[in-house]
Amino acid sequence: MPPFSFAGYRRADGRIGIRNHLLVLSTLALTNRLAELSAAGSADVLLVATDFQRGLRGRDAQMQERVIRGLLTHPNTGGAVIFVHDTPARERFLALAAALGRPVQVVAFMEGHGMADSVRRGADAIAAVRQNMTRQPDTSGGLGDLTLALECGGSDPTSAVCANPTIGALVDSVVAAGGRAIVSETAEFIGAEPVVLARAAAPAIGQQVLQAIARCEQMMQADGEDYRGVNPTPENIAGGLTTLIEKSMGAVAKCGASPIAGFLDFAETPQGPGLYFMDTPFFSPVSITGMVCAGAQLTLFAIGVFNPSGNPVAPTVKICGNPQTLRDWPDVVDVDVSMLVEGKGRLPEAHARLAQRVQSICNGEQSWTEKWREGQVLGIRSLPAL
């Protein structure tokens, strides 16, 4: 693999951003419209309007807070304007902002004097953050500075033999260089429990993953239907998958050969290098949200048939080996690895092709999801314990 480097933005916590977003973040559904109006006409902002709610308790409140903090502290966030509902929330987020080492303004909806005044205050806050943000990359990074989110969707046999192994090869390169990778979608590992257990770096980590898989399967069986009998999904079946184990083993391939170094809760940040397993639902926008809020600067997304998921904070790189999808959706796939299924190339070539594209995107070239402004930020409610 050729040398890998990129120009990025060094943050106060030592992480390197590959983007420098001016994030306009509405922390509640109640503040979405104010954030939208305040950001109108500012083409250089990244608006994230959540549908979060007030009054959550316990673990639900903790996970919602973790998602919001993950967006604000993300290495791709260069500055932020946070829209909250009331004064206590403003004071709480100002305390958080003091430790970020980047410009942040907090606007409380209920401190306004009418909608026009509130919009003006929001727009002024955006202008103030813009004026104080770092403009140009100020450091260089390599593979060891990356945290990758690993995702697959619209899976078919080409996912298992083309896209996922290509991702796995790059994951091994990143982990070997001291970087991080996160794999999620707990349901995608039902049927692959022996493989997961064998890959765990320590028995306790393996048990944590197995317990999460069992908890997920138990929840899915609560309606009386066996998940192993209703998955693969219709598009997976149309693509050629016949059993859940086929689908799960294909999903495991995107992890490469690296051991599982740790277990993460939703949106929890890895504390060291290596490959991590994050306990998330299997809906791609939700699982990607969890991994991005844990600090992943970009997502590697294997597709068989097309899947429009992504996340606006971190570029999504879509990798595909299905010739039909590549013909039908030529303007959504970043890396074509169909030569593997067509017998015209080998995995090292696909690995190099993906690494080159990732390097270009880390250096500022837009992924297709960025060009189409695709992406969702979705949180979750807590899961019942076993």
Foldseek 3Di string as FASTA:
>chain_A
DDFFKAFFAQWPVGATFLAAAAEEEELALVCQVLSVLLCPPPPRHDYAYAHDHPDDDDPQVVQSVLLVLLLQLFNNYQEYEYEAADDVVQVVVVVVVVPGRHYYHYQHPVVADDSVRSSVVSNVSSVVRVVGTDDGGDDMDGLLSAEEEEAEPLDEVCLLQWQQLLLLVSLVVSLVSWHEYEYEALCLQVLVLVVLCVQAPDNVQSVVSVQLNVLVQVVVCPVVDGPQVCPPDPSHVVRPDDTSNSRSNSSVSNNHRHGAHHEAEFLAADPTGTYHYYYWHRPVQANQSRSVSNHGQEYEYEYAADDQEDALSHAYAYEYQHPVNCVVCVQQHQAHGVCRVVVNDDSVVSNVRVSVSVSVVSNPDHHSCNVVVTYHNDYDGDGDHD
